[in-house]
């Protein structure tokens, strides 16, 4: 198995009023695993947490991946957040905007 490196990323989002703060994490899991409710271990083990800070939602992602997969994993996470929405299991759509002044912190 290739060597895995731990990464910690932080994103700042503006969540639409009434939005589910878990939705961005769900979007990340879908991007990395295909669905938030998947069988077996994650190809790229990750843990996403979110909390409200001032006027935004701070999303933290901790993950491990082989160095050779780093660019792919980061691109998937950034693309998932850039879509700006997730349709949750309850059918509710949550929308957000990635704040431009907050690039991911490796």
PDB file of N, CA and C in Angstrom:
ATOM      1  N   UNK A   1       0.856  -1.180   0.000  1.00  0.00           N
ATOM      2  CA  UNK A   1       0.000   0.000   0.000  1.00  0.00           C
ATOM      3  C   UNK A   1       0.897   1.236   0.000  1.00  0.00           C
ATOM      4  N   UNK A   2       0.558   2.249  -0.830  1.00  0.00           N
ATOM      5  CA  UNK A   2       1.385   3.455  -0.872  1.00  0.00           C
ATOM      6  C   UNK A   2       1.325   4.213   0.450  1.00  0.00           C
ATOM      7  N   UNK A   3       2.381   4.990   0.691  1.00  0.00           N
ATOM      8  CA  UNK A   3       2.396   5.830   1.891  1.00  0.00           C
ATOM      9  C   UNK A   3       1.245   6.816   1.830  1.00  0.00           C
ATOM     10  N   UNK A   4       0.607   7.019   2.984  1.00  0.00           N
ATOM     11  CA  UNK A   4      -0.502   7.967   3.066  1.00  0.00           C
ATOM     12  C   UNK A   4      -0.051   9.168   3.880  1.00  0.00           C
ATOM     13  N   UNK A   5      -0.507  10.329   3.452  1.00  0.00           N
ATOM     14  CA  UNK A   5      -0.206  11.567   4.138  1.00  0.00           C
ATOM     15  C   UNK A   5      -1.504  12.154   4.676  1.00  0.00           C
ATOM     16  N   UNK A   6      -1.446  12.682   5.882  1.00  0.00           N
ATOM     17  CA  UNK A   6      -2.616  13.334   6.477  1.00  0.00           C
ATOM     18  C   UNK A   6      -2.682  14.779   5.990  1.00  0.00           C
ATOM     19  N   UNK A   7      -3.909  15.225   5.728  1.00  0.00           N
ATOM     20  CA  UNK A   7      -4.148  16.592   5.279  1.00  0.00           C
ATOM     21  C   UNK A   7      -5.280  17.186   6.103  1.00  0.00           C
ATOM     22  N   UNK A   8      -5.214  18.489   6.318  1.00  0.00           N
ATOM     23  CA  UNK A   8      -6.291  19.215   6.988  1.00  0.00           C
ATOM     24  C   UNK A   8      -6.601  20.434   6.131  1.00  0.00           C
ATOM     25  N   UNK A   9      -7.848  20.530   5.672  1.00  0.00           N
ATOM     26  CA  UNK A   9      -8.293  21.639   4.836  1.00  0.00           C
ATOM     27  C   UNK A   9      -9.386  22.399   5.560  1.00  0.00           C
ATOM     28  N   UNK A  10      -9.424  23.696   5.370  1.00  0.00           N
ATOM     29  CA  UNK A  10     -10.478  24.516   5.943  1.00  0.00           C
ATOM     30  C   UNK A  10     -11.077  25.379   4.843  1.00  0.00           C
ATOM     31  N   UNK A  11     -12.395  25.391   4.778  1.00  0.00           N
ATOM     32  CA  UNK A  11     -13.126  26.213   3.812  1.00  0.00           C
ATOM     33  C   UNK A  11     -14.115  27.077   4.572  1.00  0.00           C
ATOM     34  N   UNK A  12     -14.343  28.273   4.057  1.00  0.00           N
ATOM     35  CA  UNK A  12     -15.375  29.143   4.624  1.00  0.00           C
ATOM     36  C   UNK A  12     -16.490  29.271   3.601  1.00  0.00           C
ATOM     37  N   UNK A  13     -17.712  28.994   4.056  1.00  0.00           N
ATOM     38  CA  UNK A  13     -18.868  29.027   3.171  1.00  0.00           C
ATOM     39  C   UNK A  13     -19.931  29.950   3.738  1.00  0.00           C
ATOM     40  N   UNK A  14     -20.745  30.479   2.855  1.00  0.00           N
ATOM     41  CA  UNK A  14     -21.938  31.187   3.278  1.00  0.00           C
ATOM     42  C   UNK A  14     -23.108  30.259   2.956  1.00  0.00           C
ATOM     43  N   UNK A  15     -23.757  29.771   3.986  1.00  0.00           N
ATOM     44  CA  UNK A  15     -24.879  28.849   3.854  1.00  0.00           C
ATOM     45  C   UNK A  15     -26.162  29.654   3.709  1.00  0.00           C
ATOM     46  N   UNK A  16     -27.029  29.252   2.774  1.00  0.00           N
ATOM     47  CA  UNK A  16     -28.318  29.927   2.643  1.00  0.00           C
ATOM     48  C   UNK A  16     -29.120  29.735   3.922  1.00  0.00           C
ATOM     49  N   UNK A  17     -29.939  30.709   4.280  1.00  0.00           N
ATOM     50  CA  UNK A  17     -30.761  30.569   5.487  1.00  0.00           C
ATOM     51  C   UNK A  17     -31.588  29.277   5.440  1.00  0.00           C
ATOM     52  N   UNK A  18     -31.597  28.578   6.561  1.00  0.00           N
ATOM     53  CA  UNK A  18     -32.343  27.329   6.649  1.00  0.00           C
ATOM     54  C   UNK A  18     -31.617  26.128   6.085  1.00  0.00           C
ATOM     55  N   UNK A  19     -30.416  26.350   5.551  1.00  0.00           N
ATOM     56  CA  UNK A  19     -29.644  25.250   4.977  1.00  0.00           C
ATOM     57  C   UNK A  19     -29.101  24.325   6.044  1.00  0.00           C
ATOM     58  N   UNK A  20     -28.886  23.084   5.668  1.00  0.00           N
ATOM     59  CA  UNK A  20     -28.352  22.078   6.579  1.00  0.00           C
ATOM     60  C   UNK A  20     -26.829  22.203   6.619  1.00  0.00           C
ATOM     61  N   UNK A  21     -26.236  22.529   7.754  1.00  0.00           N
ATOM     62  CA  UNK A  21     -24.782  22.695   7.817  1.00  0.00           C
ATOM     63  C   UNK A  21     -24.007  21.407   7.560  1.00  0.00           C
ATOM     64  N   UNK A  22     -24.687  20.277   7.552  1.00  0.00           N
ATOM     65  CA  UNK A  22     -24.017  19.000   7.238  1.00  0.00           C
ATOM     66  C   UNK A  22     -23.896  18.773   5.734  1.00  0.00           C
ATOM     67  N   UNK A  23     -24.640  19.535   4.939  1.00  0.00           N
ATOM     68  CA  UNK A  23     -24.692  19.306   3.495  1.00  0.00           C
ATOM     69  C   UNK A  23     -23.332  19.426   2.802  1.00  0.00           C
ATOM     70  N   UNK A  24     -22.511  20.444   3.092  1.00  0.00           N
ATOM     71  CA  UNK A  24     -21.209  20.488   2.417  1.00  0.00           C
ATOM     72  C   UNK A  24     -20.358  19.243   2.690  1.00  0.00           C
ATOM     73  N   UNK A  25     -20.411  18.729   3.908  1.00  0.00           N
ATOM     74  CA  UNK A  25     -19.691  17.492   4.218  1.00  0.00           C
ATOM     75  C   UNK A  25     -20.238  16.313   3.434  1.00  0.00           C
ATOM     76  N   UNK A  26     -21.554  16.280   3.269  1.00  0.00           N
ATOM     77  CA  UNK A  26     -22.169  15.237   2.452  1.00  0.00           C
ATOM     78  C   UNK A  26     -21.712  15.326   1.008  1.00  0.00           C
ATOM     79  N   UNK A  27     -21.615  16.553   0.488  1.00  0.00           N
ATOM     80  CA  UNK A  27     -21.149  16.740  -0.888  1.00  0.00           C
ATOM     81  C   UNK A  27     -19.710  16.255  -1.042  1.00  0.00           C
ATOM     82  N   UNK A  28     -18.886  16.493  -0.035  1.00  0.00           N
ATOM     83  CA  UNK A  28     -17.500  16.024  -0.077  1.00  0.00           C
ATOM     84  C   UNK A  28     -17.460  14.498  -0.071  1.00  0.00           C
ATOM     85  N   UNK A  29     -18.269  13.878   0.774  1.00  0.00           N
ATOM     86  CA  UNK A  29     -18.296  12.413   0.815  1.00  0.00           C
ATOM     87  C   UNK A  29     -18.769  11.836  -0.514  1.00  0.00           C
ATOM     88  N   UNK A  30     -19.779  12.445  -1.123  1.00  0.00           N
ATOM     89  CA  UNK A  30     -20.241  11.982  -2.439  1.00  0.00           C
ATOM     90  C   UNK A  30     -19.104  12.097  -3.454  1.00  0.00           C
ATOM     91  N   UNK A  31     -18.364  13.201  -3.418  1.00  0.00           N
ATOM     92  CA  UNK A  31     -17.267  13.393  -4.369  1.00  0.00           C
ATOM     93  C   UNK A  31     -16.147  12.376  -4.181  1.00  0.00           C
ATOM     94  N   UNK A  32     -15.887  11.998  -2.941  1.00  0.00           N
ATOM     95  CA  UNK A  32     -14.786  11.072  -2.668  1.00  0.00           C
ATOM     96  C   UNK A  32     -15.195   9.607  -2.700  1.00  0.00           C
ATOM     97  N   UNK A  33     -16.454   9.325  -2.359  1.00  0.00           N
ATOM     98  CA  UNK A  33     -16.874   7.938  -2.184  1.00  0.00           C
ATOM     99  C   UNK A  33     -18.021   7.502  -3.102  1.00  0.00           C
ATOM    100  N   UNK A  34     -18.629   8.446  -3.814  1.00  0.00           N
ATOM    101  CA  UNK A  34     -19.735   8.112  -4.702  1.00  0.00           C
ATOM    102  C   UNK A  34     -21.103   8.324  -4.086  1.00  0.00           C
ATOM    103  N   UNK A  35     -21.212   8.211  -2.774  1.00  0.00           N
ATOM    104  CA  UNK A  35     -22.463   8.429  -2.045  1.00  0.00           C
ATOM    105  C   UNK A  35     -22.128   8.546  -0.569  1.00  0.00           C
ATOM    106  N   UNK A  36     -22.968   9.260   0.171  1.00  0.00           N
ATOM    107  CA  UNK A  36     -22.696   9.407   1.611  1.00  0.00           C
ATOM    108  C   UNK A  36     -23.015   8.132   2.367  1.00  0.00           C
ATOM    109  N   UNK A  37     -23.781   7.245   1.768  1.00  0.00           N
ATOM    110  CA  UNK A  37     -24.144   5.976   2.416  1.00  0.00           C
ATOM    111  C   UNK A  37     -23.555   4.842   1.578  1.00  0.00           C
ATOM    112  N   UNK A  38     -22.278   4.608   1.725  1.00  0.00           N
ATOM    113  CA  UNK A  38     -21.601   3.607   0.905  1.00  0.00           C
ATOM    114  C   UNK A  38     -21.137   2.430   1.760  1.00  0.00           C
ATOM    115  N   UNK A  39     -20.939   1.308   1.084  1.00  0.00           N
ATOM    116  CA  UNK A  39     -20.432   0.119   1.767  1.00  0.00           C
ATOM    117  C   UNK A  39     -18.914   0.138   1.769  1.00  0.00           C
ATOM    118  N   UNK A  40     -18.369  -0.523   2.761  1.00  0.00           N
ATOM    119  CA  UNK A  40     -16.925  -0.670   2.833  1.00  0.00           C
ATOM    120  C   UNK A  40     -16.220   0.607   3.248  1.00  0.00           C
ATOM    121  N   UNK A  41     -14.910   0.508   3.399  1.00  0.00           N
ATOM    122  CA  UNK A  41     -14.132   1.676   3.823  1.00  0.00           C
ATOM    123  C   UNK A  41     -13.995   2.686   2.681  1.00  0.00           C
ATOM    124  N   UNK A  42     -13.737   3.913   3.056  1.00  0.00           N
ATOM    125  CA  UNK A  42     -13.508   4.979   2.082  1.00  0.00           C
ATOM    126  C   UNK A  42     -12.166   4.745   1.390  1.00  0.00           C
ATOM    127  N   UNK A  43     -12.127   5.003   0.105  1.00  0.00           N
ATOM    128  CA  UNK A  43     -10.859   4.925  -0.629  1.00  0.00           C
ATOM    129  C   UNK A  43      -9.871   5.928  -0.048  1.00  0.00           C
ATOM    130  N   UNK A  44     -10.396   7.137   0.264  1.00  0.00           N
ATOM    131  CA  UNK A  44      -9.601   8.191   0.884  1.00  0.00           C
ATOM    132  C   UNK A  44     -10.280   8.542   2.205  1.00  0.00           C
ATOM    133  N   UNK A  45      -9.885   7.899   3.305  1.00  0.00           N
ATOM    134  CA  UNK A  45     -10.539   8.140   4.594  1.00  0.00           C
ATOM    135  C   UNK A  45     -10.549   9.626   4.934  1.00  0.00           C
ATOM    136  N   UNK A  46     -11.725  10.093   5.339  1.00  0.00           N
ATOM    137  CA  UNK A  46     -11.879  11.512   5.627  1.00  0.00           C
ATOM    138  C   UNK A  46     -12.914  11.727   6.724  1.00  0.00           C
ATOM    139  N   UNK A  47     -12.805  12.872   7.354  1.00  0.00           N
ATOM    140  CA  UNK A  47     -13.763  13.294   8.378  1.00  0.00           C
ATOM    141  C   UNK A  47     -14.009  14.772   8.150  1.00  0.00           C
ATOM    142  N   UNK A  48     -15.274  15.127   7.999  1.00  0.00           N
ATOM    143  CA  UNK A  48     -15.641  16.518   7.761  1.00  0.00           C
ATOM    144  C   UNK A  48     -16.455  17.016   8.937  1.00  0.00           C
ATOM    145  N   UNK A  49     -16.143  18.209   9.407  1.00  0.00           N
ATOM    146  CA  UNK A  49     -16.926  18.842  10.465  1.00  0.00           C
ATOM    147  C   UNK A  49     -17.203  20.275  10.042  1.00  0.00           C
ATOM    148  N   UNK A  50     -18.273  20.828  10.582  1.00  0.00           N
ATOM    149  CA  UNK A  50     -18.634  22.206  10.252  1.00  0.00           C
ATOM    150  C   UNK A  50     -19.137  22.904  11.498  1.00  0.00           C
ATOM    151  N   UNK A  51     -18.808  24.172  11.608  1.00  0.00           N
ATOM    152  CA  UNK A  51     -19.350  24.971  12.703  1.00  0.00           C
ATOM    153  C   UNK A  51     -19.506  26.416  12.238  1.00  0.00           C
ATOM    154  N   UNK A  52     -20.444  27.086  12.861  1.00  0.00           N
ATOM    155  CA  UNK A  52     -20.703  28.482  12.533  1.00  0.00           C
ATOM    156  C   UNK A  52     -19.657  29.346  13.213  1.00  0.00           C
ATOM    157  N   UNK A  53     -19.088  30.257  12.449  1.00  0.00           N
ATOM    158  CA  UNK A  53     -18.094  31.193  12.958  1.00  0.00           C
ATOM    159  C   UNK A  53     -18.424  32.565  12.382  1.00  0.00           C
ATOM    160  N   UNK A  54     -18.799  33.494  13.242  1.00  0.00           N
ATOM    161  CA  UNK A  54     -19.199  34.835  12.805  1.00  0.00           C
ATOM    162  C   UNK A  54     -20.355  34.724  11.803  1.00  0.00           C
ATOM    163  N   UNK A  55     -20.125  35.173  10.563  1.00  0.00           N
ATOM    164  CA  UNK A  55     -21.190  35.190   9.566  1.00  0.00           C
ATOM    165  C   UNK A  55     -21.033  34.092   8.518  1.00  0.00           C
ATOM    166  N   UNK A  56     -20.259  33.059   8.818  1.00  0.00           N
ATOM    167  CA  UNK A  56     -20.022  32.012   7.828  1.00  0.00           C
ATOM    168  C   UNK A  56     -20.000  30.634   8.487  1.00  0.00           C
ATOM    169  N   UNK A  57     -19.958  29.629   7.643  1.00  0.00           N
ATOM    170  CA  UNK A  57     -19.820  28.247   8.088  1.00  0.00           C
ATOM    171  C   UNK A  57     -18.385  27.831   7.798  1.00  0.00           C
ATOM    172  N   UNK A  58     -17.690  27.364   8.807  1.00  0.00           N
ATOM    173  CA  UNK A  58     -16.334  26.886   8.615  1.00  0.00           C
ATOM    174  C   UNK A  58     -16.389  25.369   8.486  1.00  0.00           C
ATOM    175  N   UNK A  59     -15.889  24.871   7.369  1.00  0.00           N
ATOM    176  CA  UNK A  59     -15.892  23.434   7.081  1.00  0.00           C
ATOM    177  C   UNK A  59     -14.457  22.943   7.148  1.00  0.00           C
ATOM    178  N   UNK A  60     -14.213  21.977   8.004  1.00  0.00           N
ATOM    179  CA  UNK A  60     -12.890  21.383   8.176  1.00  0.00           C
ATOM    180  C   UNK A  60     -12.910  19.962   7.652  1.00  0.00           C
ATOM    181  N   UNK A  61     -11.912  19.627   6.870  1.00  0.00           N
ATOM    182  CA  UNK A  61     -11.797  18.286   6.298  1.00  0.00           C
ATOM    183  C   UNK A  61     -10.446  17.724   6.701  1.00  0.00           C
ATOM    184  N   UNK A  62     -10.479  16.586   7.338  1.00  0.00           N
ATOM    185  CA  UNK A  62      -9.257  15.844   7.659  1.00  0.00           C
ATOM    186  C   UNK A  62      -9.300  14.572   6.820  1.00  0.00           C
ATOM    187  N   UNK A  63      -8.207  14.283   6.142  1.00  0.00           N
ATOM    188  CA  UNK A  63      -8.190  13.105   5.276  1.00  0.00           C
ATOM    189  C   UNK A  63      -6.787  12.563   5.165  1.00  0.00           C
ATOM    190  N   UNK A  64      -6.730  11.327   4.725  1.00  0.00           N
ATOM    191  CA  UNK A  64      -5.447  10.721   4.387  1.00  0.00           C
ATOM    192  C   UNK A  64      -5.547  10.164   2.982  1.00  0.00           C
ATOM    193  N   UNK A  65      -4.473  10.308   2.255  1.00  0.00           N
ATOM    194  CA  UNK A  65      -4.429   9.755   0.901  1.00  0.00           C
ATOM    195  C   UNK A  65      -2.975   9.571   0.497  1.00  0.00           C
ATOM    196  N   UNK A  66      -2.741   8.682  -0.462  1.00  0.00           N
ATOM    197  CA  UNK A  66      -1.382   8.558  -0.988  1.00  0.00           C
ATOM    198  C   UNK A  66      -0.963   9.883  -1.630  1.00  0.00           C
ATOM    199  N   UNK A  67       0.301  10.197  -1.535  1.00  0.00           N
ATOM    200  CA  UNK A  67       0.796  11.432  -2.133  1.00  0.00           C
ATOM    201  C   UNK A  67       0.437  11.514  -3.619  1.00  0.00           C
ATOM    202  N   UNK A  68       0.427  10.379  -4.297  1.00  0.00           N
ATOM    203  CA  UNK A  68       0.116  10.365  -5.732  1.00  0.00           C
ATOM    204  C   UNK A  68      -1.344  10.725  -6.019  1.00  0.00           C
ATOM    205  N   UNK A  69      -2.227  10.635  -5.021  1.00  0.00           N
ATOM    206  CA  UNK A  69      -3.650  10.963  -5.202  1.00  0.00           C
ATOM    207  C   UNK A  69      -4.008  12.360  -4.704  1.00  0.00           C
ATOM    208  N   UNK A  70      -3.080  13.052  -4.107  1.00  0.00           N
ATOM    209  CA  UNK A  70      -3.379  14.335  -3.452  1.00  0.00           C
ATOM    210  C   UNK A  70      -4.089  15.325  -4.373  1.00  0.00           C
ATOM    211  N   UNK A  71      -3.558  15.557  -5.557  1.00  0.00           N
ATOM    212  CA  UNK A  71      -4.170  16.529  -6.469  1.00  0.00           C
ATOM    213  C   UNK A  71      -5.582  16.116  -6.856  1.00  0.00           C
ATOM    214  N   UNK A  72      -5.796  14.845  -7.106  1.00  0.00           N
ATOM    215  CA  UNK A  72      -7.126  14.346  -7.469  1.00  0.00           C
ATOM    216  C   UNK A  72      -8.110  14.549  -6.333  1.00  0.00           C
ATOM    217  N   UNK A  73      -7.692  14.203  -5.125  1.00  0.00           N
ATOM    218  CA  UNK A  73      -8.570  14.328  -3.951  1.00  0.00           C
ATOM    219  C   UNK A  73      -8.920  15.788  -3.705  1.00  0.00           C
ATOM    220  N   UNK A  74      -7.937  16.669  -3.725  1.00  0.00           N
ATOM    221  CA  UNK A  74      -8.197  18.090  -3.500  1.00  0.00           C
ATOM    222  C   UNK A  74      -9.108  18.659  -4.584  1.00  0.00           C
ATOM    223  N   UNK A  75      -8.893  18.260  -5.820  1.00  0.00           N
ATOM    224  CA  UNK A  75      -9.742  18.742  -6.918  1.00  0.00           C
ATOM    225  C   UNK A  75     -11.183  18.272  -6.735  1.00  0.00           C
ATOM    226  N   UNK A  76     -11.369  17.044  -6.292  1.00  0.00           N
ATOM    227  CA  UNK A  76     -12.736  16.540  -6.060  1.00  0.00           C
ATOM    228  C   UNK A  76     -13.427  17.313  -4.939  1.00  0.00           C
ATOM    229  N   UNK A  77     -12.703  17.581  -3.878  1.00  0.00           N
ATOM    230  CA  UNK A  77     -13.287  18.331  -2.753  1.00  0.00           C
ATOM    231  C   UNK A  77     -13.653  19.745  -3.199  1.00  0.00           C
ATOM    232  N   UNK A  78     -12.734  20.411  -3.868  1.00  0.00           N
ATOM    233  CA  UNK A  78     -12.996  21.775  -4.320  1.00  0.00           C
ATOM    234  C   UNK A  78     -14.146  21.822  -5.310  1.00  0.00           C
ATOM    235  N   UNK A  79     -14.228  20.851  -6.216  1.00  0.00           N
ATOM    236  CA  UNK A  79     -15.332  20.808  -7.183  1.00  0.00           C
ATOM    237  C   UNK A  79     -16.667  20.558  -6.487  1.00  0.00           C
ATOM    238  N   UNK A  80     -16.666  19.682  -5.489  1.00  0.00           N
ATOM    239  CA  UNK A  80     -17.907  19.397  -4.757  1.00  0.00           C
ATOM    240  C   UNK A  80     -18.430  20.648  -4.069  1.00  0.00           C
ATOM    241  N   UNK A  81     -17.547  21.398  -3.446  1.00  0.00           N
ATOM    242  CA  UNK A  81     -17.976  22.620  -2.774  1.00  0.00           C
ATOM    243  C   UNK A  81     -18.347  23.702  -3.779  1.00  0.00           C
ATOM    244  N   UNK A  82     -17.670  23.753  -4.908  1.00  0.00           N
ATOM    245  CA  UNK A  82     -17.951  24.769  -5.923  1.00  0.00           C
ATOM    246  C   UNK A  82     -19.332  24.593  -6.550  1.00  0.00           C
ATOM    247  N   UNK A  83     -19.887  23.378  -6.521  1.00  0.00           N
ATOM    248  CA  UNK A  83     -21.233  23.190  -7.083  1.00  0.00           C
ATOM    249  C   UNK A  83     -22.251  24.016  -6.320  1.00  0.00           C
ATOM    250  N   UNK A  84     -21.997  24.232  -5.023  1.00  0.00           N
ATOM    251  CA  UNK A  84     -22.836  25.121  -4.234  1.00  0.00           C
ATOM    252  C   UNK A  84     -24.154  24.563  -3.755  1.00  0.00           C
ATOM    253  N   UNK A  85     -24.359  23.260  -3.868  1.00  0.00           N
ATOM    254  CA  UNK A  85     -25.611  22.702  -3.346  1.00  0.00           C
ATOM    255  C   UNK A  85     -25.498  21.192  -3.173  1.00  0.00           C
ATOM    256  N   UNK A  86     -26.413  20.665  -2.372  1.00  0.00           N
ATOM    257  CA  UNK A  86     -26.580  19.221  -2.216  1.00  0.00           C
ATOM    258  C   UNK A  86     -28.048  18.948  -1.949  1.00  0.00           C
ATOM    259  N   UNK A  87     -28.574  17.951  -2.624  1.00  0.00           N
ATOM    260  CA  UNK A  87     -29.916  17.467  -2.356  1.00  0.00           C
ATOM    261  C   UNK A  87     -29.774  16.360  -1.319  1.00  0.00           C
ATOM    262  N   UNK A  88     -30.277  16.601  -0.122  1.00  0.00           N
ATOM    263  CA  UNK A  88     -30.112  15.669   0.983  1.00  0.00           C
ATOM    264  C   UNK A  88     -31.042  14.476   0.904  1.00  0.00           C
ATOM    265  N   UNK A  89     -30.880  13.518   1.805  1.00  0.00           N
ATOM    266  CA  UNK A  89     -31.702  12.304   1.792  1.00  0.00           C
ATOM    267  C   UNK A  89     -33.178  12.598   2.055  1.00  0.00           C
ATOM    268  N   UNK A  90     -33.473  13.753   2.651  1.00  0.00           N
ATOM    269  CA  UNK A  90     -34.866  14.133   2.905  1.00  0.00           C
ATOM    270  C   UNK A  90     -35.471  14.899   1.732  1.00  0.00           C
ATOM    271  N   UNK A  91     -34.703  15.064   0.636  1.00  0.00           N
ATOM    272  CA  UNK A  91     -35.182  15.769  -0.540  1.00  0.00           C
ATOM    273  C   UNK A  91     -35.003  17.281  -0.465  1.00  0.00           C
ATOM    274  N   UNK A  92     -34.464  17.760   0.640  1.00  0.00           N
ATOM    275  CA  UNK A  92     -34.255  19.200   0.809  1.00  0.00           C
ATOM    276  C   UNK A  92     -32.932  19.609   0.165  1.00  0.00           C
ATOM    277  N   UNK A  93     -32.971  20.687  -0.627  1.00  0.00           N
ATOM    278  CA  UNK A  93     -31.762  21.195  -1.269  1.00  0.00           C
ATOM    279  C   UNK A  93     -31.148  22.275  -0.381  1.00  0.00           C
ATOM    280  N   UNK A  94     -29.891  22.097  -0.056  1.00  0.00           N
ATOM    281  CA  UNK A  94     -29.139  23.097   0.694  1.00  0.00           C
ATOM    282  C   UNK A  94     -28.173  23.747  -0.269  1.00  0.00           C
ATOM    283  N   UNK A  95     -28.132  25.075  -0.224  1.00  0.00           N
ATOM    284  CA  UNK A  95     -27.235  25.841  -1.096  1.00  0.00           C
ATOM    285  C   UNK A  95     -26.219  26.608  -0.249  1.00  0.00           C
ATOM    286  N   UNK A  96     -25.060  26.803  -0.830  1.00  0.00           N
ATOM    287  CA  UNK A  96     -24.008  27.580  -0.178  1.00  0.00           C
ATOM    288  C   UNK A  96     -23.133  28.243  -1.230  1.00  0.00           C
ATOM    289  N   UNK A  97     -22.327  29.162  -0.779  1.00  0.00           N
ATOM    290  CA  UNK A  97     -21.343  29.835  -1.615  1.00  0.00           C
ATOM    291  C   UNK A  97     -19.998  29.742  -0.907  1.00  0.00           C
ATOM    292  N   UNK A  98     -18.980  29.345  -1.651  1.00  0.00           N
ATOM    293  CA  UNK A  98     -17.626  29.334  -1.095  1.00  0.00           C
ATOM    294  C   UNK A  98     -17.147  30.783  -1.085  1.00  0.00           C
ATOM    295  N   UNK A  99     -16.701  31.236   0.055  1.00  0.00           N
ATOM    296  CA  UNK A  99     -16.234  32.615   0.159  1.00  0.00           C
ATOM    297  C   UNK A  99     -14.888  32.755  -0.552  1.00  0.00           C
ATOM    298  N   UNK A 100     -14.773  33.713  -1.468  1.00  0.00           N
ATOM    299  CA  UNK A 100     -13.568  33.827  -2.304  1.00  0.00           C
ATOM    300  C   UNK A 100     -12.308  34.218  -1.544  1.00  0.00           C
ATOM    301  N   UNK A 101     -12.474  34.828  -0.388  1.00  0.00           N
ATOM    302  CA  UNK A 101     -11.288  35.254   0.352  1.00  0.00           C
ATOM    303  C   UNK A 101     -10.734  34.152   1.249  1.00  0.00           C
ATOM    304  N   UNK A 102     -11.209  32.944   1.058  1.00  0.00           N
ATOM    305  CA  UNK A 102     -10.789  31.856   1.937  1.00  0.00           C
ATOM    306  C   UNK A 102     -10.359  30.630   1.141  1.00  0.00           C
ATOM    307  N   UNK A 103      -9.189  30.673   0.529  1.00  0.00           N
ATOM    308  CA  UNK A 103      -8.720  29.483  -0.181  1.00  0.00           C
ATOM    309  C   UNK A 103      -8.447  28.352   0.798  1.00  0.00           C
ATOM    310  N   UNK A 104      -8.484  27.109   0.335  1.00  0.00           N
ATOM    311  CA  UNK A 104      -8.218  25.993   1.244  1.00  0.00           C
ATOM    312  C   UNK A 104      -6.833  26.092   1.861  1.00  0.00           C
ATOM    313  N   UNK A 105      -6.740  25.700   3.093  1.00  0.00           N
ATOM    314  CA  UNK A 105      -5.462  25.712   3.818  1.00  0.00           C
ATOM    315  C   UNK A 105      -4.930  24.288   3.915  1.00  0.00           C
ATOM    316  N   UNK A 106      -3.850  23.962   3.211  1.00  0.00           N
ATOM    317  CA  UNK A 106      -3.326  22.587   3.271  1.00  0.00           C
ATOM    318  C   UNK A 106      -2.724  22.256   4.629  1.00  0.00           C
TER     319      UNK A 106
END
